[in-house]
N, C-alpha and C. Protein backbone atom coordinates (compact mmCIF):
# COMPACT_ATOMS: atom_id res chain seq x y z
N UNK A 1 33.60 22.49 -19.95
CA UNK A 1 33.80 21.12 -19.52
C UNK A 1 33.24 20.92 -18.10
N UNK A 2 33.48 21.89 -17.24
CA UNK A 2 33.00 21.82 -15.87
C UNK A 2 31.48 21.79 -15.81
N UNK A 3 30.82 22.55 -16.69
CA UNK A 3 29.36 22.56 -16.73
C UNK A 3 28.81 21.21 -17.16
N UNK A 4 29.50 20.55 -18.07
CA UNK A 4 29.07 19.22 -18.53
C UNK A 4 29.14 18.24 -17.38
N UNK A 5 30.22 18.29 -16.59
CA UNK A 5 30.34 17.40 -15.44
C UNK A 5 29.25 17.67 -14.41
N UNK A 6 28.96 18.94 -14.16
CA UNK A 6 27.89 19.27 -13.21
C UNK A 6 26.54 18.78 -13.70
N UNK A 7 26.27 18.97 -14.98
CA UNK A 7 25.00 18.53 -15.55
C UNK A 7 24.89 17.01 -15.48
N UNK A 8 25.98 16.32 -15.78
CA UNK A 8 25.99 14.86 -15.73
C UNK A 8 25.78 14.37 -14.30
N UNK A 9 26.44 15.03 -13.35
CA UNK A 9 26.28 14.65 -11.94
C UNK A 9 24.84 14.86 -11.49
N UNK A 10 24.24 15.96 -11.91
CA UNK A 10 22.83 16.23 -11.57
C UNK A 10 21.93 15.16 -12.17
N UNK A 11 22.17 14.81 -13.43
CA UNK A 11 21.38 13.78 -14.10
C UNK A 11 21.48 12.46 -13.36
N UNK A 12 22.71 12.07 -12.98
CA UNK A 12 22.91 10.82 -12.27
C UNK A 12 22.20 10.84 -10.92
N UNK A 13 22.29 11.95 -10.22
CA UNK A 13 21.61 12.08 -8.93
C UNK A 13 20.10 11.90 -9.10
N UNK A 14 19.55 12.53 -10.12
CA UNK A 14 18.11 12.38 -10.37
C UNK A 14 17.75 10.95 -10.73
N UNK A 15 18.59 10.29 -11.51
CA UNK A 15 18.34 8.89 -11.87
C UNK A 15 18.35 8.01 -10.64
N UNK A 16 19.36 8.19 -9.80
CA UNK A 16 19.45 7.38 -8.59
C UNK A 16 18.26 7.65 -7.67
N UNK A 17 17.86 8.93 -7.54
CA UNK A 17 16.72 9.26 -6.72
C UNK A 17 15.45 8.61 -7.25
N UNK A 18 15.25 8.67 -8.56
CA UNK A 18 14.03 8.10 -9.13
C UNK A 18 14.03 6.59 -8.98
N UNK A 19 15.18 5.96 -9.09
CA UNK A 19 15.23 4.51 -8.92
C UNK A 19 14.91 4.13 -7.49
N UNK A 20 15.45 4.86 -6.52
CA UNK A 20 15.16 4.52 -5.13
C UNK A 20 13.70 4.78 -4.81
N UNK A 21 13.09 5.78 -5.40
CA UNK A 21 11.68 6.05 -5.17
C UNK A 21 10.83 4.96 -5.78
N UNK A 22 11.16 4.54 -6.99
CA UNK A 22 10.42 3.48 -7.66
C UNK A 22 10.54 2.17 -6.90
N UNK A 23 11.70 1.91 -6.34
CA UNK A 23 11.93 0.65 -5.64
C UNK A 23 11.20 0.59 -4.30
N UNK A 24 10.72 1.71 -3.82
CA UNK A 24 9.97 1.69 -2.58
C UNK A 24 10.85 1.76 -1.35
N UNK A 25 12.14 1.83 -1.51
CA UNK A 25 13.05 1.99 -0.38
C UNK A 25 14.24 2.80 -0.87
N UNK A 26 15.03 3.20 0.06
CA UNK A 26 16.13 4.08 -0.31
C UNK A 26 17.42 3.28 -0.49
N UNK A 27 17.64 2.72 -1.66
CA UNK A 27 18.89 2.06 -1.96
C UNK A 27 19.91 3.12 -2.32
N UNK A 28 21.05 3.03 -1.72
CA UNK A 28 22.15 3.95 -2.03
C UNK A 28 23.17 3.18 -2.85
N UNK A 29 23.53 3.73 -4.00
CA UNK A 29 24.45 3.07 -4.92
C UNK A 29 25.69 3.94 -5.06
N UNK A 30 26.87 3.33 -4.80
CA UNK A 30 28.13 4.05 -4.90
C UNK A 30 29.03 3.36 -5.92
N UNK A 31 29.61 4.09 -6.87
CA UNK A 31 30.51 3.50 -7.87
C UNK A 31 31.88 3.20 -7.25
N UNK A 32 32.04 2.03 -6.63
CA UNK A 32 33.24 1.68 -5.87
C UNK A 32 34.48 1.49 -6.73
N UNK A 33 34.32 1.27 -8.02
CA UNK A 33 35.47 1.05 -8.90
C UNK A 33 35.70 2.20 -9.86
N UNK A 34 35.21 3.38 -9.49
CA UNK A 34 35.45 4.58 -10.29
C UNK A 34 34.75 4.58 -11.64
N UNK A 35 33.60 3.96 -11.74
CA UNK A 35 32.85 3.94 -13.00
C UNK A 35 32.49 5.37 -13.42
N UNK A 36 32.52 5.61 -14.71
CA UNK A 36 32.14 6.93 -15.23
C UNK A 36 30.63 7.11 -15.09
N UNK A 37 30.20 8.35 -15.21
CA UNK A 37 28.77 8.65 -15.13
C UNK A 37 28.01 7.93 -16.23
N UNK A 38 28.58 7.92 -17.42
CA UNK A 38 27.93 7.22 -18.54
C UNK A 38 27.82 5.73 -18.24
N UNK A 39 28.89 5.14 -17.67
CA UNK A 39 28.86 3.72 -17.33
C UNK A 39 27.86 3.45 -16.22
N UNK A 40 27.77 4.35 -15.27
CA UNK A 40 26.81 4.19 -14.18
C UNK A 40 25.38 4.18 -14.71
N UNK A 41 25.08 5.11 -15.60
CA UNK A 41 23.73 5.16 -16.17
C UNK A 41 23.40 3.87 -16.91
N UNK A 42 24.36 3.38 -17.69
CA UNK A 42 24.16 2.12 -18.42
C UNK A 42 23.94 0.96 -17.46
N UNK A 43 24.81 0.88 -16.44
CA UNK A 43 24.71 -0.21 -15.47
C UNK A 43 23.40 -0.17 -14.69
N UNK A 44 22.97 1.01 -14.29
CA UNK A 44 21.71 1.13 -13.55
C UNK A 44 20.53 0.61 -14.37
N UNK A 45 20.49 0.99 -15.64
CA UNK A 45 19.39 0.54 -16.49
C UNK A 45 19.46 -0.96 -16.75
N UNK A 46 20.67 -1.47 -17.02
CA UNK A 46 20.83 -2.91 -17.24
C UNK A 46 20.42 -3.70 -16.01
N UNK A 47 20.81 -3.22 -14.83
CA UNK A 47 20.47 -3.94 -13.59
C UNK A 47 18.98 -3.85 -13.29
N UNK A 48 18.36 -2.74 -13.62
CA UNK A 48 16.91 -2.62 -13.43
C UNK A 48 16.19 -3.66 -14.29
N UNK A 49 16.60 -3.74 -15.55
CA UNK A 49 15.99 -4.70 -16.47
C UNK A 49 16.23 -6.13 -15.99
N UNK A 50 17.46 -6.40 -15.56
CA UNK A 50 17.81 -7.75 -15.10
C UNK A 50 17.02 -8.10 -13.83
N UNK A 51 16.92 -7.15 -12.90
CA UNK A 51 16.19 -7.41 -11.64
C UNK A 51 14.72 -7.70 -11.91
N UNK A 52 14.14 -7.00 -12.87
CA UNK A 52 12.74 -7.27 -13.22
C UNK A 52 12.59 -8.68 -13.78
N UNK A 53 13.51 -9.07 -14.66
CA UNK A 53 13.42 -10.41 -15.26
C UNK A 53 13.67 -11.50 -14.23
N UNK A 54 14.57 -11.27 -13.29
CA UNK A 54 14.89 -12.29 -12.29
C UNK A 54 13.83 -12.39 -11.19
N UNK A 55 13.29 -11.25 -10.78
CA UNK A 55 12.35 -11.25 -9.66
C UNK A 55 10.90 -11.39 -10.10
N UNK A 56 10.64 -11.03 -11.36
CA UNK A 56 9.26 -11.02 -11.83
C UNK A 56 8.48 -9.83 -11.31
N UNK A 57 9.18 -8.87 -10.72
CA UNK A 57 8.55 -7.70 -10.12
C UNK A 57 9.05 -6.45 -10.82
N UNK A 58 8.13 -5.61 -11.27
CA UNK A 58 8.47 -4.30 -11.81
C UNK A 58 7.91 -3.27 -10.85
N UNK A 59 8.76 -2.66 -10.03
CA UNK A 59 8.27 -1.74 -9.01
C UNK A 59 7.49 -0.56 -9.57
N UNK A 60 7.75 -0.19 -10.81
CA UNK A 60 7.01 0.95 -11.38
C UNK A 60 5.56 0.61 -11.65
N UNK A 61 5.20 -0.67 -11.66
CA UNK A 61 3.82 -1.06 -11.88
C UNK A 61 3.09 -1.43 -10.59
N UNK A 62 3.81 -1.51 -9.48
CA UNK A 62 3.18 -1.83 -8.20
C UNK A 62 2.48 -0.60 -7.65
N UNK A 63 1.35 -0.82 -7.02
CA UNK A 63 0.67 0.27 -6.35
C UNK A 63 0.82 0.07 -4.85
N UNK A 64 1.04 1.15 -4.15
CA UNK A 64 1.18 1.10 -2.70
C UNK A 64 -0.17 0.76 -2.10
N UNK A 65 -0.22 -0.27 -1.25
CA UNK A 65 -1.51 -0.64 -0.66
C UNK A 65 -2.04 0.46 0.26
N UNK A 66 -3.36 0.64 0.21
CA UNK A 66 -4.02 1.59 1.09
C UNK A 66 -4.92 0.83 2.05
N UNK A 67 -5.22 1.44 3.14
CA UNK A 67 -6.04 0.80 4.16
C UNK A 67 -7.50 0.73 3.72
N UNK A 68 -8.09 -0.44 3.86
CA UNK A 68 -9.51 -0.60 3.55
C UNK A 68 -10.38 0.10 4.60
N UNK A 69 -9.81 0.35 5.77
CA UNK A 69 -10.57 1.02 6.82
C UNK A 69 -10.97 2.43 6.41
N UNK A 70 -10.16 3.04 5.52
CA UNK A 70 -10.49 4.38 5.05
C UNK A 70 -11.78 4.38 4.24
N UNK A 71 -12.13 3.24 3.69
CA UNK A 71 -13.30 3.15 2.83
C UNK A 71 -14.57 2.81 3.62
N UNK A 72 -14.41 2.45 4.91
CA UNK A 72 -15.57 2.09 5.70
C UNK A 72 -16.29 3.35 6.17
N UNK A 73 -17.55 3.16 6.52
CA UNK A 73 -18.32 4.28 7.07
C UNK A 73 -19.34 3.74 8.07
N UNK A 74 -20.22 4.55 8.55
CA UNK A 74 -21.18 4.15 9.56
C UNK A 74 -22.45 3.55 9.01
N UNK A 75 -22.52 3.30 7.73
CA UNK A 75 -23.76 2.82 7.13
C UNK A 75 -24.26 1.50 7.71
N UNK A 76 -23.39 0.51 8.04
CA UNK A 76 -23.95 -0.72 8.62
C UNK A 76 -24.73 -0.46 9.90
N UNK A 77 -24.26 0.47 10.73
CA UNK A 77 -24.96 0.78 11.97
C UNK A 77 -26.29 1.46 11.66
N UNK A 78 -26.28 2.43 10.75
CA UNK A 78 -27.51 3.15 10.40
C UNK A 78 -28.54 2.22 9.75
N UNK A 79 -28.05 1.37 8.84
CA UNK A 79 -28.98 0.43 8.17
C UNK A 79 -29.61 -0.51 9.19
N UNK A 80 -28.79 -1.03 10.12
CA UNK A 80 -29.33 -1.95 11.12
C UNK A 80 -30.29 -1.25 12.06
N UNK A 81 -29.99 0.00 12.41
CA UNK A 81 -30.89 0.75 13.28
C UNK A 81 -32.22 1.02 12.57
N UNK A 82 -32.15 1.38 11.28
CA UNK A 82 -33.38 1.65 10.52
C UNK A 82 -34.22 0.39 10.39
N UNK A 83 -33.54 -0.72 10.11
CA UNK A 83 -34.28 -1.99 9.99
C UNK A 83 -34.90 -2.36 11.33
N UNK A 84 -34.12 -2.17 12.39
CA UNK A 84 -34.64 -2.48 13.73
C UNK A 84 -35.83 -1.61 14.09
N UNK A 85 -35.76 -0.33 13.72
CA UNK A 85 -36.87 0.59 14.00
C UNK A 85 -38.12 0.15 13.25
N UNK A 86 -37.94 -0.27 12.00
CA UNK A 86 -39.09 -0.71 11.21
C UNK A 86 -39.73 -1.94 11.83
N UNK A 87 -38.88 -2.92 12.17
CA UNK A 87 -39.42 -4.15 12.78
C UNK A 87 -40.05 -3.84 14.14
N UNK A 88 -39.34 -3.04 14.93
CA UNK A 88 -39.88 -2.68 16.26
C UNK A 88 -41.16 -1.89 16.16
N UNK A 89 -41.23 -0.99 15.17
CA UNK A 89 -42.45 -0.20 14.96
C UNK A 89 -43.61 -1.09 14.60
N UNK A 90 -43.37 -2.07 13.74
CA UNK A 90 -44.44 -3.01 13.37
C UNK A 90 -44.91 -3.80 14.59
N UNK A 91 -43.93 -4.29 15.33
CA UNK A 91 -44.29 -5.06 16.54
C UNK A 91 -45.02 -4.18 17.54
N UNK A 92 -44.54 -2.96 17.73
CA UNK A 92 -45.17 -2.04 18.68
C UNK A 92 -46.55 -1.62 18.23
N UNK A 93 -46.77 -1.51 16.91
CA UNK A 93 -48.09 -1.08 16.43
C UNK A 93 -49.14 -2.14 16.69
N UNK A 94 -48.72 -3.40 16.75
CA UNK A 94 -49.68 -4.45 17.08
C UNK A 94 -50.19 -4.29 18.50
N UNK A 95 -49.32 -3.80 19.39
CA UNK A 95 -49.73 -3.59 20.78
C UNK A 95 -50.16 -2.16 21.03
N UNK A 96 -50.21 -1.33 20.00
CA UNK A 96 -50.63 0.05 20.15
C UNK A 96 -49.52 0.98 20.60
N UNK A 97 -48.29 0.54 20.62
CA UNK A 97 -47.16 1.34 21.09
C UNK A 97 -46.12 1.45 19.97
N UNK A 98 -46.47 2.03 18.85
CA UNK A 98 -45.58 2.13 17.69
C UNK A 98 -44.27 2.83 18.04
N UNK A 99 -44.31 3.97 18.70
CA UNK A 99 -43.13 4.77 19.03
C UNK A 99 -42.15 4.02 19.91
N UNK A 100 -42.69 3.37 20.96
CA UNK A 100 -41.80 2.62 21.86
C UNK A 100 -41.18 1.42 21.15
N UNK A 101 -41.96 0.76 20.33
CA UNK A 101 -41.44 -0.39 19.58
C UNK A 101 -40.35 0.03 18.60
N UNK A 102 -40.60 1.15 17.93
CA UNK A 102 -39.61 1.64 16.96
C UNK A 102 -38.33 2.04 17.68
N UNK A 103 -38.43 2.70 18.81
CA UNK A 103 -37.25 3.12 19.56
C UNK A 103 -36.45 1.91 20.04
N UNK A 104 -37.15 0.93 20.58
CA UNK A 104 -36.46 -0.28 21.05
C UNK A 104 -35.82 -1.02 19.88
N UNK A 105 -36.54 -1.10 18.78
CA UNK A 105 -35.99 -1.78 17.60
C UNK A 105 -34.77 -1.06 17.05
N UNK A 106 -34.79 0.27 17.03
CA UNK A 106 -33.65 1.05 16.55
C UNK A 106 -32.44 0.83 17.45
N UNK A 107 -32.65 0.78 18.75
CA UNK A 107 -31.54 0.57 19.68
C UNK A 107 -30.90 -0.80 19.48
N UNK A 108 -31.74 -1.82 19.39
CA UNK A 108 -31.21 -3.18 19.17
C UNK A 108 -30.55 -3.28 17.80
N UNK A 109 -31.20 -2.71 16.79
CA UNK A 109 -30.61 -2.74 15.44
C UNK A 109 -29.28 -2.02 15.37
N UNK A 110 -29.19 -0.87 16.05
CA UNK A 110 -27.92 -0.13 16.09
C UNK A 110 -26.83 -0.93 16.78
N UNK A 111 -27.20 -1.63 17.86
CA UNK A 111 -26.24 -2.47 18.58
C UNK A 111 -25.74 -3.59 17.68
N UNK A 112 -26.64 -4.25 16.99
CA UNK A 112 -26.25 -5.34 16.06
C UNK A 112 -25.36 -4.78 14.95
N UNK A 113 -25.73 -3.62 14.40
CA UNK A 113 -24.92 -3.01 13.35
C UNK A 113 -23.52 -2.66 13.84
N UNK A 114 -23.42 -2.16 15.08
CA UNK A 114 -22.13 -1.83 15.67
C UNK A 114 -21.25 -3.06 15.82
N UNK A 115 -21.86 -4.16 16.24
CA UNK A 115 -21.12 -5.42 16.39
C UNK A 115 -20.62 -5.89 15.02
N UNK A 116 -21.48 -5.81 14.01
CA UNK A 116 -21.07 -6.20 12.66
C UNK A 116 -19.92 -5.34 12.16
N UNK A 117 -20.01 -4.03 12.40
CA UNK A 117 -18.97 -3.11 11.94
C UNK A 117 -17.64 -3.41 12.63
N UNK A 118 -17.68 -3.71 13.91
CA UNK A 118 -16.46 -4.03 14.65
C UNK A 118 -15.82 -5.29 14.10
N UNK A 119 -16.63 -6.32 13.86
CA UNK A 119 -16.09 -7.57 13.28
C UNK A 119 -15.50 -7.33 11.90
N UNK A 120 -16.19 -6.53 11.11
CA UNK A 120 -15.71 -6.21 9.77
C UNK A 120 -14.39 -5.44 9.85
N UNK A 121 -14.27 -4.55 10.81
CA UNK A 121 -13.05 -3.77 11.00
C UNK A 121 -11.86 -4.66 11.33
N UNK A 122 -12.08 -5.65 12.19
CA UNK A 122 -11.01 -6.59 12.55
C UNK A 122 -10.57 -7.40 11.33
N UNK A 123 -11.54 -7.87 10.55
CA UNK A 123 -11.22 -8.64 9.35
C UNK A 123 -10.47 -7.77 8.34
N UNK A 124 -10.89 -6.53 8.20
CA UNK A 124 -10.25 -5.60 7.27
C UNK A 124 -8.81 -5.33 7.68
N UNK A 125 -8.57 -5.17 8.98
CA UNK A 125 -7.21 -4.92 9.47
C UNK A 125 -6.31 -6.10 9.15
N UNK A 126 -6.82 -7.30 9.28
CA UNK A 126 -6.04 -8.49 8.98
C UNK A 126 -5.69 -8.55 7.49
N UNK A 127 -6.66 -8.25 6.64
CA UNK A 127 -6.42 -8.26 5.19
C UNK A 127 -5.42 -7.16 4.82
N UNK A 128 -5.55 -5.97 5.42
CA UNK A 128 -4.62 -4.88 5.15
C UNK A 128 -3.19 -5.26 5.52
N UNK A 129 -3.04 -5.93 6.65
CA UNK A 129 -1.71 -6.35 7.10
C UNK A 129 -1.11 -7.37 6.12
N UNK A 130 -1.90 -8.31 5.67
CA UNK A 130 -1.43 -9.30 4.71
C UNK A 130 -1.05 -8.65 3.38
N UNK A 131 -1.85 -7.69 2.93
CA UNK A 131 -1.57 -6.98 1.68
C UNK A 131 -0.27 -6.21 1.78
N UNK A 132 -0.04 -5.55 2.91
CA UNK A 132 1.19 -4.80 3.12
C UNK A 132 2.40 -5.74 3.15
N UNK A 133 2.26 -6.91 3.75
CA UNK A 133 3.35 -7.88 3.80
C UNK A 133 3.71 -8.38 2.41
N UNK A 134 2.71 -8.69 1.60
CA UNK A 134 2.96 -9.16 0.24
C UNK A 134 3.65 -8.07 -0.58
N UNK A 135 3.19 -6.84 -0.45
CA UNK A 135 3.80 -5.71 -1.16
C UNK A 135 5.28 -5.57 -0.77
N UNK A 136 5.55 -5.62 0.53
CA UNK A 136 6.93 -5.46 1.00
C UNK A 136 7.81 -6.62 0.54
N UNK A 137 7.27 -7.84 0.51
CA UNK A 137 8.03 -8.99 0.02
C UNK A 137 8.39 -8.82 -1.46
N UNK A 138 7.46 -8.28 -2.24
CA UNK A 138 7.74 -8.06 -3.66
C UNK A 138 8.84 -7.02 -3.84
N UNK A 139 8.77 -5.92 -3.11
CA UNK A 139 9.79 -4.88 -3.19
C UNK A 139 11.14 -5.44 -2.74
N UNK A 140 11.16 -6.21 -1.66
CA UNK A 140 12.41 -6.79 -1.16
C UNK A 140 13.02 -7.74 -2.19
N UNK A 141 12.17 -8.53 -2.83
CA UNK A 141 12.67 -9.48 -3.85
C UNK A 141 13.33 -8.72 -5.01
N UNK A 142 12.67 -7.67 -5.49
CA UNK A 142 13.24 -6.86 -6.56
C UNK A 142 14.55 -6.22 -6.10
N UNK A 143 14.55 -5.62 -4.91
CA UNK A 143 15.74 -4.94 -4.40
C UNK A 143 16.93 -5.89 -4.24
N UNK A 144 16.68 -7.14 -3.83
CA UNK A 144 17.77 -8.12 -3.72
C UNK A 144 18.38 -8.39 -5.09
N UNK A 145 17.54 -8.57 -6.09
CA UNK A 145 18.05 -8.82 -7.44
C UNK A 145 18.79 -7.60 -7.98
N UNK A 146 18.24 -6.42 -7.79
CA UNK A 146 18.85 -5.17 -8.26
C UNK A 146 20.21 -4.96 -7.59
N UNK A 147 20.26 -5.17 -6.28
CA UNK A 147 21.51 -5.01 -5.54
C UNK A 147 22.56 -6.03 -5.98
N UNK A 148 22.14 -7.28 -6.18
CA UNK A 148 23.08 -8.32 -6.60
C UNK A 148 23.71 -7.95 -7.95
N UNK A 149 22.92 -7.45 -8.86
CA UNK A 149 23.42 -7.06 -10.17
C UNK A 149 24.43 -5.92 -10.04
N UNK A 150 24.07 -4.90 -9.30
CA UNK A 150 24.96 -3.74 -9.14
C UNK A 150 26.25 -4.12 -8.43
N UNK A 151 26.16 -4.95 -7.41
CA UNK A 151 27.37 -5.39 -6.71
C UNK A 151 28.26 -6.20 -7.64
N UNK A 152 27.65 -7.00 -8.51
CA UNK A 152 28.42 -7.76 -9.49
C UNK A 152 29.15 -6.87 -10.50
N UNK A 153 28.65 -5.66 -10.67
CA UNK A 153 29.27 -4.70 -11.60
C UNK A 153 30.23 -3.75 -10.88
N UNK A 154 30.49 -4.00 -9.60
CA UNK A 154 31.47 -3.21 -8.88
C UNK A 154 30.93 -2.01 -8.14
N UNK A 155 29.66 -2.01 -7.78
CA UNK A 155 29.08 -0.91 -7.01
C UNK A 155 28.87 -1.36 -5.57
N UNK A 156 28.89 -0.41 -4.66
CA UNK A 156 28.51 -0.67 -3.29
C UNK A 156 27.07 -0.25 -3.13
N UNK A 157 26.23 -1.15 -2.61
CA UNK A 157 24.80 -0.86 -2.46
C UNK A 157 24.43 -1.03 -1.00
N UNK A 158 23.78 -0.03 -0.45
CA UNK A 158 23.32 -0.06 0.95
C UNK A 158 21.84 0.25 1.01
């Protein structure tokens, strides 16, 4: 009998852990009215289903937003420098100074590419922040519904 209780307690702990992980935050659920382990499992599943229907959010289908900055690289600077070198080389070749024209064009092109990359980085940071805010709002909405259901069933949720 004692082994059954230990196994049930372990199962409940794993269920609660998985629910808090899926929800994206650490909700702690306590059976304030002495609910049995079997009743707790039933209530947790019912409240999960109810929270999804009320909030329109299923945390198990949400993906954690990643930074777009991780996907950026130095290619805009290199492309602009190469284009600048080509244009500068052509201009310099007309005056007989291909090397100097190409070098000047590469420098200007690299500068323009750097400015573009910086502007793009600022825009990306703004989009990343907005994406993170929307994600957190969705998780909060689900967690409010989930907590309300559990509290209505006699649990303490923190």
